[in-house]
PDB file of N, CA and C in Angstrom:
ATOM      1  N   UNK A   1     -26.586  72.893  16.072  1.00  0.00           N
ATOM      2  CA  UNK A   1     -26.000  71.589  16.278  1.00  0.00           C
ATOM      3  C   UNK A   1     -24.445  71.886  16.467  1.00  0.00           C
ATOM      4  N   UNK A   2     -23.976  71.849  17.687  1.00  0.00           N
ATOM      5  CA  UNK A   2     -22.541  72.127  17.906  1.00  0.00           C
ATOM      6  C   UNK A   2     -21.610  71.070  17.251  1.00  0.00           C
ATOM      7  N   UNK A   3     -20.549  71.548  16.778  1.00  0.00           N
ATOM      8  CA  UNK A   3     -19.479  70.721  16.143  1.00  0.00           C
ATOM      9  C   UNK A   3     -18.511  70.195  17.204  1.00  0.00           C
ATOM     10  N   UNK A   4     -18.322  68.859  17.154  1.00  0.00           N
ATOM     11  CA  UNK A   4     -17.322  68.237  17.999  1.00  0.00           C
ATOM     12  C   UNK A   4     -15.931  68.177  17.423  1.00  0.00           C
ATOM     13  N   UNK A   5     -15.919  67.820  16.117  1.00  0.00           N
ATOM     14  CA  UNK A   5     -14.564  67.706  15.552  1.00  0.00           C
ATOM     15  C   UNK A   5     -14.722  67.845  14.060  1.00  0.00           C
ATOM     16  N   UNK A   6     -13.586  68.178  13.274  1.00  0.00           N
ATOM     17  CA  UNK A   6     -13.553  68.211  11.887  1.00  0.00           C
ATOM     18  C   UNK A   6     -12.168  67.710  11.462  1.00  0.00           C
ATOM     19  N   UNK A   7     -12.075  66.703  10.531  1.00  0.00           N
ATOM     20  CA  UNK A   7     -10.802  66.153  10.013  1.00  0.00           C
ATOM     21  C   UNK A   7     -11.182  65.456   8.682  1.00  0.00           C
ATOM     22  N   UNK A   8     -10.122  65.595   7.797  1.00  0.00           N
ATOM     23  CA  UNK A   8     -10.164  64.945   6.473  1.00  0.00           C
ATOM     24  C   UNK A   8     -11.484  65.171   5.739  1.00  0.00           C
ATOM     25  N   UNK A   9     -12.132  66.306   5.878  1.00  0.00           N
ATOM     26  CA  UNK A   9     -13.425  66.557   5.230  1.00  0.00           C
ATOM     27  C   UNK A   9     -14.544  65.980   5.921  1.00  0.00           C
ATOM     28  N   UNK A  10     -14.386  65.354   7.071  1.00  0.00           N
ATOM     29  CA  UNK A  10     -15.476  64.779   7.887  1.00  0.00           C
ATOM     30  C   UNK A  10     -15.838  65.825   8.958  1.00  0.00           C
ATOM     31  N   UNK A  11     -17.067  66.041   9.148  1.00  0.00           N
ATOM     32  CA  UNK A  11     -17.611  66.988  10.260  1.00  0.00           C
ATOM     33  C   UNK A  11     -18.372  66.106  11.135  1.00  0.00           C
ATOM     34  N   UNK A  12     -18.167  66.244  12.485  1.00  0.00           N
ATOM     35  CA  UNK A  12     -18.839  65.436  13.574  1.00  0.00           C
ATOM     36  C   UNK A  12     -19.468  66.522  14.449  1.00  0.00           C
ATOM     37  N   UNK A  13     -20.860  66.287  14.522  1.00  0.00           N
ATOM     38  CA  UNK A  13     -21.655  67.150  15.436  1.00  0.00           C
ATOM     39  C   UNK A  13     -22.416  66.307  16.421  1.00  0.00           C
ATOM     40  N   UNK A  14     -22.955  67.049  17.457  1.00  0.00           N
ATOM     41  CA  UNK A  14     -23.856  66.363  18.399  1.00  0.00           C
ATOM     42  C   UNK A  14     -24.995  67.272  18.718  1.00  0.00           C
ATOM     43  N   UNK A  15     -26.144  66.863  18.781  1.00  0.00           N
ATOM     44  CA  UNK A  15     -27.374  67.647  18.934  1.00  0.00           C
ATOM     45  C   UNK A  15     -27.760  67.680  20.360  1.00  0.00           C
ATOM     46  N   UNK A  16     -28.187  68.756  20.933  1.00  0.00           N
ATOM     47  CA  UNK A  16     -28.726  68.831  22.255  1.00  0.00           C
ATOM     48  C   UNK A  16     -30.081  68.102  22.354  1.00  0.00           C
ATOM     49  N   UNK A  17     -30.231  67.368  23.374  1.00  0.00           N
ATOM     50  CA  UNK A  17     -31.614  66.691  23.671  1.00  0.00           C
ATOM     51  C   UNK A  17     -31.959  65.762  22.477  1.00  0.00           C
ATOM     52  N   UNK A  18     -31.061  65.080  21.865  1.00  0.00           N
ATOM     53  CA  UNK A  18     -31.237  64.230  20.655  1.00  0.00           C
ATOM     54  C   UNK A  18     -31.272  62.756  21.080  1.00  0.00           C
ATOM     55  N   UNK A  19     -32.302  62.360  21.905  1.00  0.00           N
ATOM     56  CA  UNK A  19     -32.302  60.964  22.225  1.00  0.00           C
ATOM     57  C   UNK A  19     -33.653  60.408  21.826  1.00  0.00           C
ATOM     58  N   UNK A  20     -34.415  61.026  20.935  1.00  0.00           N
ATOM     59  CA  UNK A  20     -35.767  60.541  20.545  1.00  0.00           C
ATOM     60  C   UNK A  20     -35.699  59.440  19.592  1.00  0.00           C
ATOM     61  N   UNK A  21     -34.987  59.589  18.498  1.00  0.00           N
ATOM     62  CA  UNK A  21     -34.951  58.577  17.406  1.00  0.00           C
ATOM     63  C   UNK A  21     -33.987  57.452  17.781  1.00  0.00           C
ATOM     64  N   UNK A  22     -32.873  57.776  18.385  1.00  0.00           N
ATOM     65  CA  UNK A  22     -31.797  56.838  18.702  1.00  0.00           C
ATOM     66  C   UNK A  22     -31.521  57.089  20.228  1.00  0.00           C
ATOM     67  N   UNK A  23     -31.938  56.187  21.052  1.00  0.00           N
ATOM     68  CA  UNK A  23     -31.693  56.322  22.498  1.00  0.00           C
ATOM     69  C   UNK A  23     -30.303  56.016  22.852  1.00  0.00           C
ATOM     70  N   UNK A  24     -29.594  55.320  21.965  1.00  0.00           N
ATOM     71  CA  UNK A  24     -28.150  55.014  22.232  1.00  0.00           C
ATOM     72  C   UNK A  24     -27.303  56.380  22.055  1.00  0.00           C
ATOM     73  N   UNK A  25     -26.340  56.533  22.899  1.00  0.00           N
ATOM     74  CA  UNK A  25     -25.444  57.712  22.709  1.00  0.00           C
ATOM     75  C   UNK A  25     -24.797  57.659  21.390  1.00  0.00           C
ATOM     76  N   UNK A  26     -24.982  58.770  20.623  1.00  0.00           N
ATOM     77  CA  UNK A  26     -24.499  58.816  19.286  1.00  0.00           C
ATOM     78  C   UNK A  26     -24.138  60.257  18.830  1.00  0.00           C
ATOM     79  N   UNK A  27     -23.575  60.389  17.617  1.00  0.00           N
ATOM     80  CA  UNK A  27     -23.183  61.685  17.124  1.00  0.00           C
ATOM     81  C   UNK A  27     -23.544  61.643  15.539  1.00  0.00           C
ATOM     82  N   UNK A  28     -23.476  62.780  14.972  1.00  0.00           N
ATOM     83  CA  UNK A  28     -23.858  62.834  13.572  1.00  0.00           C
ATOM     84  C   UNK A  28     -22.684  63.199  12.729  1.00  0.00           C
ATOM     85  N   UNK A  29     -22.492  62.552  11.541  1.00  0.00           N
ATOM     86  CA  UNK A  29     -21.336  62.668  10.698  1.00  0.00           C
ATOM     87  C   UNK A  29     -21.768  63.236   9.344  1.00  0.00           C
ATOM     88  N   UNK A  30     -21.081  64.114   8.888  1.00  0.00           N
ATOM     89  CA  UNK A  30     -21.227  64.694   7.528  1.00  0.00           C
ATOM     90  C   UNK A  30     -19.974  64.671   6.799  1.00  0.00           C
ATOM     91  N   UNK A  31     -20.080  64.145   5.562  1.00  0.00           N
ATOM     92  CA  UNK A  31     -18.888  64.014   4.611  1.00  0.00           C
ATOM     93  C   UNK A  31     -19.489  64.211   3.200  1.00  0.00           C
ATOM     94  N   UNK A  32     -19.226  65.405   2.650  1.00  0.00           N
ATOM     95  CA  UNK A  32     -19.748  65.607   1.288  1.00  0.00           C
ATOM     96  C   UNK A  32     -21.250  65.453   1.309  1.00  0.00           C
ATOM     97  N   UNK A  33     -21.842  64.649   0.396  1.00  0.00           N
ATOM     98  CA  UNK A  33     -23.231  64.466   0.352  1.00  0.00           C
ATOM     99  C   UNK A  33     -23.796  63.394   1.335  1.00  0.00           C
ATOM    100  N   UNK A  34     -22.915  62.785   2.071  1.00  0.00           N
ATOM    101  CA  UNK A  34     -23.199  61.702   2.976  1.00  0.00           C
ATOM    102  C   UNK A  34     -23.511  62.288   4.359  1.00  0.00           C
ATOM    103  N   UNK A  35     -24.573  61.573   4.963  1.00  0.00           N
ATOM    104  CA  UNK A  35     -24.796  61.894   6.464  1.00  0.00           C
ATOM    105  C   UNK A  35     -25.147  60.633   7.121  1.00  0.00           C
ATOM    106  N   UNK A  36     -24.602  60.565   8.343  1.00  0.00           N
ATOM    107  CA  UNK A  36     -24.981  59.297   9.127  1.00  0.00           C
ATOM    108  C   UNK A  36     -24.922  59.633  10.652  1.00  0.00           C
ATOM    109  N   UNK A  37     -25.630  58.764  11.328  1.00  0.00           N
ATOM    110  CA  UNK A  37     -25.698  58.740  12.835  1.00  0.00           C
ATOM    111  C   UNK A  37     -24.807  57.541  13.229  1.00  0.00           C
ATOM    112  N   UNK A  38     -23.884  57.772  14.079  1.00  0.00           N
ATOM    113  CA  UNK A  38     -22.942  56.751  14.519  1.00  0.00           C
ATOM    114  C   UNK A  38     -22.927  56.664  16.087  1.00  0.00           C
ATOM    115  N   UNK A  39     -23.089  55.488  16.588  1.00  0.00           N
ATOM    116  CA  UNK A  39     -23.089  55.375  18.008  1.00  0.00           C
ATOM    117  C   UNK A  39     -21.650  55.615  18.621  1.00  0.00           C
ATOM    118  N   UNK A  40     -21.594  56.063  19.818  1.00  0.00           N
ATOM    119  CA  UNK A  40     -20.308  56.226  20.494  1.00  0.00           C
ATOM    120  C   UNK A  40     -19.417  55.064  20.350  1.00  0.00           C
ATOM    121  N   UNK A  41     -20.069  53.874  20.332  1.00  0.00           N
ATOM    122  CA  UNK A  41     -19.261  52.658  20.204  1.00  0.00           C
ATOM    123  C   UNK A  41     -18.803  52.390  18.783  1.00  0.00           C
ATOM    124  N   UNK A  42     -19.201  53.221  17.826  1.00  0.00           N
ATOM    125  CA  UNK A  42     -18.744  53.078  16.395  1.00  0.00           C
ATOM    126  C   UNK A  42     -19.781  52.443  15.549  1.00  0.00           C
ATOM    127  N   UNK A  43     -20.900  52.014  16.087  1.00  0.00           N
ATOM    128  CA  UNK A  43     -21.938  51.339  15.245  1.00  0.00           C
ATOM    129  C   UNK A  43     -22.725  52.392  14.409  1.00  0.00           C
ATOM    130  N   UNK A  44     -22.828  52.053  13.136  1.00  0.00           N
ATOM    131  CA  UNK A  44     -23.542  52.918  12.111  1.00  0.00           C
ATOM    132  C   UNK A  44     -25.050  52.707  12.447  1.00  0.00           C
ATOM    133  N   UNK A  45     -25.716  53.773  12.929  1.00  0.00           N
ATOM    134  CA  UNK A  45     -27.061  53.616  13.307  1.00  0.00           C
ATOM    135  C   UNK A  45     -28.085  54.038  12.174  1.00  0.00           C
ATOM    136  N   UNK A  46     -27.677  54.965  11.339  1.00  0.00           N
ATOM    137  CA  UNK A  46     -28.602  55.462  10.287  1.00  0.00           C
ATOM    138  C   UNK A  46     -27.628  56.145   9.262  1.00  0.00           C
ATOM    139  N   UNK A  47     -28.195  56.252   8.082  1.00  0.00           N
ATOM    140  CA  UNK A  47     -27.437  56.954   7.029  1.00  0.00           C
ATOM    141  C   UNK A  47     -26.401  56.106   6.426  1.00  0.00           C
ATOM    142  N   UNK A  48     -25.394  56.732   5.781  1.00  0.00           N
ATOM    143  CA  UNK A  48     -24.348  56.053   5.239  1.00  0.00           C
ATOM    144  C   UNK A  48     -23.157  56.954   4.984  1.00  0.00           C
ATOM    145  N   UNK A  49     -21.965  56.249   4.946  1.00  0.00           N
ATOM    146  CA  UNK A  49     -20.717  56.887   4.657  1.00  0.00           C
ATOM    147  C   UNK A  49     -19.868  55.942   3.825  1.00  0.00           C
ATOM    148  N   UNK A  50     -18.973  56.488   3.047  1.00  0.00           N
ATOM    149  CA  UNK A  50     -18.014  55.639   2.383  1.00  0.00           C
ATOM    150  C   UNK A  50     -17.243  54.848   3.419  1.00  0.00           C
ATOM    151  N   UNK A  51     -16.875  53.601   3.138  1.00  0.00           N
ATOM    152  CA  UNK A  51     -16.221  52.725   4.069  1.00  0.00           C
ATOM    153  C   UNK A  51     -14.936  53.370   4.725  1.00  0.00           C
ATOM    154  N   UNK A  52     -14.044  54.047   3.915  1.00  0.00           N
ATOM    155  CA  UNK A  52     -12.827  54.578   4.380  1.00  0.00           C
ATOM    156  C   UNK A  52     -13.166  55.643   5.471  1.00  0.00           C
ATOM    157  N   UNK A  53     -14.210  56.445   5.180  1.00  0.00           N
ATOM    158  CA  UNK A  53     -14.512  57.606   6.114  1.00  0.00           C
ATOM    159  C   UNK A  53     -15.213  56.973   7.407  1.00  0.00           C
ATOM    160  N   UNK A  54     -15.931  55.975   7.274  1.00  0.00           N
ATOM    161  CA  UNK A  54     -16.620  55.243   8.302  1.00  0.00           C
ATOM    162  C   UNK A  54     -15.578  54.617   9.237  1.00  0.00           C
ATOM    163  N   UNK A  55     -14.522  54.130   8.712  1.00  0.00           N
ATOM    164  CA  UNK A  55     -13.420  53.497   9.558  1.00  0.00           C
ATOM    165  C   UNK A  55     -12.644  54.625  10.260  1.00  0.00           C
ATOM    166  N   UNK A  56     -12.409  55.762   9.615  1.00  0.00           N
ATOM    167  CA  UNK A  56     -11.775  56.869  10.240  1.00  0.00           C
ATOM    168  C   UNK A  56     -12.569  57.305  11.437  1.00  0.00           C
ATOM    169  N   UNK A  57     -13.863  57.459  11.168  1.00  0.00           N
ATOM    170  CA  UNK A  57     -14.748  57.920  12.261  1.00  0.00           C
ATOM    171  C   UNK A  57     -14.742  56.973  13.406  1.00  0.00           C
ATOM    172  N   UNK A  58     -14.763  55.730  13.122  1.00  0.00           N
ATOM    173  CA  UNK A  58     -14.830  54.627  14.195  1.00  0.00           C
ATOM    174  C   UNK A  58     -13.519  54.669  14.981  1.00  0.00           C
ATOM    175  N   UNK A  59     -12.353  54.864  14.330  1.00  0.00           N
ATOM    176  CA  UNK A  59     -11.151  54.991  14.978  1.00  0.00           C
ATOM    177  C   UNK A  59     -11.136  56.252  15.851  1.00  0.00           C
ATOM    178  N   UNK A  60     -11.579  57.295  15.350  1.00  0.00           N
ATOM    179  CA  UNK A  60     -11.711  58.506  16.210  1.00  0.00           C
ATOM    180  C   UNK A  60     -12.478  58.382  17.394  1.00  0.00           C
ATOM    181  N   UNK A  61     -13.730  57.685  17.211  1.00  0.00           N
ATOM    182  CA  UNK A  61     -14.570  57.391  18.304  1.00  0.00           C
ATOM    183  C   UNK A  61     -13.961  56.551  19.365  1.00  0.00           C
ATOM    184  N   UNK A  62     -13.195  55.540  18.934  1.00  0.00           N
ATOM    185  CA  UNK A  62     -12.533  54.586  19.907  1.00  0.00           C
ATOM    186  C   UNK A  62     -11.483  55.436  20.701  1.00  0.00           C
ATOM    187  N   UNK A  63     -10.748  56.372  20.068  1.00  0.00           N
ATOM    188  CA  UNK A  63      -9.788  57.056  20.798  1.00  0.00           C
ATOM    189  C   UNK A  63     -10.403  58.046  21.776  1.00  0.00           C
ATOM    190  N   UNK A  64     -11.592  58.630  21.449  1.00  0.00           N
ATOM    191  CA  UNK A  64     -12.215  59.608  22.249  1.00  0.00           C
ATOM    192  C   UNK A  64     -13.542  59.183  22.983  1.00  0.00           C
ATOM    193  N   UNK A  65     -13.596  57.889  23.140  1.00  0.00           N
ATOM    194  CA  UNK A  65     -14.900  57.347  23.681  1.00  0.00           C
ATOM    195  C   UNK A  65     -15.326  58.080  25.047  1.00  0.00           C
ATOM    196  N   UNK A  66     -14.400  58.176  25.955  1.00  0.00           N
ATOM    197  CA  UNK A  66     -14.734  58.818  27.238  1.00  0.00           C
ATOM    198  C   UNK A  66     -15.229  60.243  26.945  1.00  0.00           C
ATOM    199  N   UNK A  67     -14.538  61.120  26.127  1.00  0.00           N
ATOM    200  CA  UNK A  67     -14.971  62.392  25.806  1.00  0.00           C
ATOM    201  C   UNK A  67     -16.281  62.494  25.216  1.00  0.00           C
ATOM    202  N   UNK A  68     -16.568  61.502  24.355  1.00  0.00           N
ATOM    203  CA  UNK A  68     -17.867  61.460  23.663  1.00  0.00           C
ATOM    204  C   UNK A  68     -19.016  61.112  24.623  1.00  0.00           C
ATOM    205  N   UNK A  69     -18.780  60.263  25.498  1.00  0.00           N
ATOM    206  CA  UNK A  69     -19.877  59.990  26.519  1.00  0.00           C
ATOM    207  C   UNK A  69     -20.095  61.290  27.440  1.00  0.00           C
ATOM    208  N   UNK A  70     -19.030  61.951  27.759  1.00  0.00           N
ATOM    209  CA  UNK A  70     -19.129  63.175  28.528  1.00  0.00           C
ATOM    210  C   UNK A  70     -19.950  64.199  27.747  1.00  0.00           C
ATOM    211  N   UNK A  71     -19.693  64.427  26.421  1.00  0.00           N
ATOM    212  CA  UNK A  71     -20.434  65.320  25.638  1.00  0.00           C
ATOM    213  C   UNK A  71     -21.817  64.936  25.505  1.00  0.00           C
ATOM    214  N   UNK A  72     -22.036  63.600  25.316  1.00  0.00           N
ATOM    215  CA  UNK A  72     -23.436  63.092  25.186  1.00  0.00           C
ATOM    216  C   UNK A  72     -24.226  63.448  26.461  1.00  0.00           C
ATOM    217  N   UNK A  73     -23.628  63.129  27.610  1.00  0.00           N
ATOM    218  CA  UNK A  73     -24.293  63.378  28.873  1.00  0.00           C
ATOM    219  C   UNK A  73     -24.670  64.931  29.001  1.00  0.00           C
ATOM    220  N   UNK A  74     -23.733  65.748  28.690  1.00  0.00           N
ATOM    221  CA  UNK A  74     -24.013  67.223  28.712  1.00  0.00           C
ATOM    222  C   UNK A  74     -25.126  67.518  27.684  1.00  0.00           C
ATOM    223  N   UNK A  75     -25.070  66.978  26.484  1.00  0.00           N
ATOM    224  CA  UNK A  75     -26.063  67.359  25.422  1.00  0.00           C
ATOM    225  C   UNK A  75     -27.454  66.939  25.808  1.00  0.00           C
ATOM    226  N   UNK A  76     -27.661  65.798  26.425  1.00  0.00           N
ATOM    227  CA  UNK A  76     -28.998  65.409  26.716  1.00  0.00           C
ATOM    228  C   UNK A  76     -29.580  66.146  27.834  1.00  0.00           C
ATOM    229  N   UNK A  77     -28.701  66.828  28.648  1.00  0.00           N
ATOM    230  CA  UNK A  77     -29.099  67.664  29.712  1.00  0.00           C
ATOM    231  C   UNK A  77     -29.255  69.172  29.146  1.00  0.00           C
ATOM    232  N   UNK A  78     -28.909  69.347  27.869  1.00  0.00           N
ATOM    233  CA  UNK A  78     -29.051  70.658  27.280  1.00  0.00           C
ATOM    234  C   UNK A  78     -27.997  71.608  27.708  1.00  0.00           C
ATOM    235  N   UNK A  79     -26.801  70.989  28.115  1.00  0.00           N
ATOM    236  CA  UNK A  79     -25.605  71.765  28.586  1.00  0.00           C
ATOM    237  C   UNK A  79     -24.537  71.821  27.444  1.00  0.00           C
ATOM    238  N   UNK A  80     -23.843  72.862  27.377  1.00  0.00           N
ATOM    239  CA  UNK A  80     -22.734  73.074  26.471  1.00  0.00           C
ATOM    240  C   UNK A  80     -21.630  72.050  26.652  1.00  0.00           C
ATOM    241  N   UNK A  81     -20.978  71.596  25.590  1.00  0.00           N
ATOM    242  CA  UNK A  81     -19.833  70.768  25.652  1.00  0.00           C
ATOM    243  C   UNK A  81     -18.813  71.319  24.715  1.00  0.00           C
ATOM    244  N   UNK A  82     -17.539  70.872  24.995  1.00  0.00           N
ATOM    245  CA  UNK A  82     -16.529  71.454  24.081  1.00  0.00           C
ATOM    246  C   UNK A  82     -16.175  70.547  22.944  1.00  0.00           C
ATOM    247  N   UNK A  83     -15.232  71.091  22.155  1.00  0.00           N
ATOM    248  CA  UNK A  83     -14.696  70.291  20.949  1.00  0.00           C
ATOM    249  C   UNK A  83     -13.876  69.174  21.415  1.00  0.00           C
ATOM    250  N   UNK A  84     -13.703  68.183  20.513  1.00  0.00           N
ATOM    251  CA  UNK A  84     -12.823  67.000  20.801  1.00  0.00           C
ATOM    252  C   UNK A  84     -11.762  67.049  19.725  1.00  0.00           C
ATOM    253  N   UNK A  85     -10.583  66.742  20.080  1.00  0.00           N
ATOM    254  CA  UNK A  85      -9.452  66.763  19.184  1.00  0.00           C
ATOM    255  C   UNK A  85      -9.698  65.935  17.885  1.00  0.00           C
ATOM    256  N   UNK A  86      -9.309  66.481  16.758  1.00  0.00           N
ATOM    257  CA  UNK A  86      -9.446  65.702  15.477  1.00  0.00           C
ATOM    258  C   UNK A  86      -8.509  64.544  15.368  1.00  0.00           C
ATOM    259  N   UNK A  87      -8.769  63.652  14.426  1.00  0.00           N
ATOM    260  CA  UNK A  87      -7.907  62.575  14.162  1.00  0.00           C
ATOM    261  C   UNK A  87      -6.702  63.158  13.389  1.00  0.00           C
ATOM    262  N   UNK A  88      -5.477  62.797  13.816  1.00  0.00           N
ATOM    263  CA  UNK A  88      -4.318  63.392  13.187  1.00  0.00           C
ATOM    264  C   UNK A  88      -3.728  62.468  12.141  1.00  0.00           C
TER     265      UNK A  88
END
């Protein structure tokens, strides 16, 4: 599962060909013992995160929405995609 970004202890990854459970474009977030699937639009699809970290992830997704869609399109085709800048 390739890593897209890492900031403030939050790790964001995207899985190749991962449109079975959630057809909506999404990424996976890991923070300590928390795990969540978050839509590119910032919607929490599954799992949980502390509210502060969820808001950071949603802000990051808003800033990088176009890059996230590009990564999603590559991932569902099984193609490599690059990292996205972390939240500063």
